[in-house]
């Protein structure tokens, strides 16, 4: 059970970091 929670937490953190990076780099790519 703890493994599933850790995996879901790390996945959410990765998703948040990815969306944040996209939001920061998208304006410059235009």
N, C-alpha and C. Protein backbone atom coordinates (compact mmCIF):
# COMPACT_ATOMS: atom_id res chain seq x y z
N UNK A 1 0.84 -1.20 0.00
CA UNK A 1 0.00 0.00 0.00
C UNK A 1 0.88 1.25 0.00
N UNK A 2 1.92 1.25 0.82
CA UNK A 2 2.79 2.44 0.89
C UNK A 2 3.45 2.68 -0.47
N UNK A 3 3.80 1.59 -1.17
CA UNK A 3 4.44 1.74 -2.47
C UNK A 3 3.50 2.45 -3.45
N UNK A 4 2.22 2.06 -3.43
CA UNK A 4 1.27 2.69 -4.35
C UNK A 4 1.14 4.18 -4.06
N UNK A 5 1.10 4.53 -2.78
CA UNK A 5 0.97 5.94 -2.41
C UNK A 5 2.19 6.72 -2.88
N UNK A 6 3.37 6.16 -2.66
CA UNK A 6 4.60 6.84 -3.06
C UNK A 6 4.64 7.02 -4.57
N UNK A 7 4.23 5.99 -5.29
CA UNK A 7 4.24 6.07 -6.76
C UNK A 7 3.27 7.15 -7.23
N UNK A 8 2.07 7.16 -6.68
CA UNK A 8 1.08 8.16 -7.10
C UNK A 8 1.56 9.57 -6.74
N UNK A 9 2.20 9.69 -5.57
CA UNK A 9 2.70 11.01 -5.16
C UNK A 9 3.80 11.49 -6.10
N UNK A 10 4.75 10.62 -6.40
CA UNK A 10 5.84 11.01 -7.29
C UNK A 10 5.30 11.31 -8.68
N UNK A 11 4.29 10.55 -9.12
CA UNK A 11 3.70 10.80 -10.44
C UNK A 11 3.04 12.17 -10.47
N UNK A 12 2.33 12.52 -9.38
CA UNK A 12 1.67 13.83 -9.33
C UNK A 12 2.72 14.94 -9.32
N UNK A 13 3.80 14.72 -8.58
CA UNK A 13 4.86 15.73 -8.54
C UNK A 13 5.48 15.90 -9.92
N UNK A 14 5.69 14.78 -10.62
CA UNK A 14 6.26 14.85 -11.97
C UNK A 14 5.32 15.58 -12.91
N UNK A 15 4.02 15.30 -12.79
CA UNK A 15 3.03 15.96 -13.64
C UNK A 15 3.03 17.46 -13.37
N UNK A 16 3.07 17.85 -12.09
CA UNK A 16 3.06 19.27 -11.74
C UNK A 16 4.31 19.96 -12.28
N UNK A 17 5.47 19.31 -12.13
CA UNK A 17 6.72 19.90 -12.63
C UNK A 17 6.67 20.04 -14.14
N UNK A 18 6.13 19.02 -14.82
CA UNK A 18 6.06 19.06 -16.28
C UNK A 18 5.14 20.19 -16.74
N UNK A 19 3.97 20.32 -16.12
CA UNK A 19 3.03 21.38 -16.52
C UNK A 19 3.63 22.75 -16.21
N UNK A 20 4.33 22.86 -15.08
CA UNK A 20 4.95 24.14 -14.73
C UNK A 20 6.01 24.50 -15.75
N UNK A 21 6.84 23.54 -16.13
CA UNK A 21 7.89 23.81 -17.13
C UNK A 21 7.26 24.19 -18.46
N UNK A 22 6.17 23.52 -18.83
CA UNK A 22 5.50 23.84 -20.09
C UNK A 22 4.96 25.27 -20.04
N UNK A 23 4.39 25.65 -18.91
CA UNK A 23 3.85 27.00 -18.78
C UNK A 23 4.94 28.05 -18.86
N UNK A 24 6.15 27.69 -18.39
CA UNK A 24 7.24 28.66 -18.41
C UNK A 24 7.90 28.74 -19.78
N UNK A 25 7.95 27.62 -20.50
CA UNK A 25 8.69 27.61 -21.77
C UNK A 25 7.78 27.89 -22.96
N UNK A 26 6.48 27.64 -22.85
CA UNK A 26 5.60 27.84 -24.00
C UNK A 26 5.64 29.27 -24.52
N UNK A 27 5.55 30.29 -23.68
CA UNK A 27 5.57 31.67 -24.20
C UNK A 27 6.83 31.98 -24.99
N UNK A 28 7.96 31.39 -24.61
CA UNK A 28 9.22 31.69 -25.31
C UNK A 28 9.30 30.92 -26.62
N UNK A 29 8.54 29.81 -26.73
CA UNK A 29 8.61 29.02 -27.96
C UNK A 29 7.76 29.65 -29.06
N UNK A 30 6.87 30.55 -28.70
CA UNK A 30 6.07 31.22 -29.72
C UNK A 30 6.97 32.21 -30.45
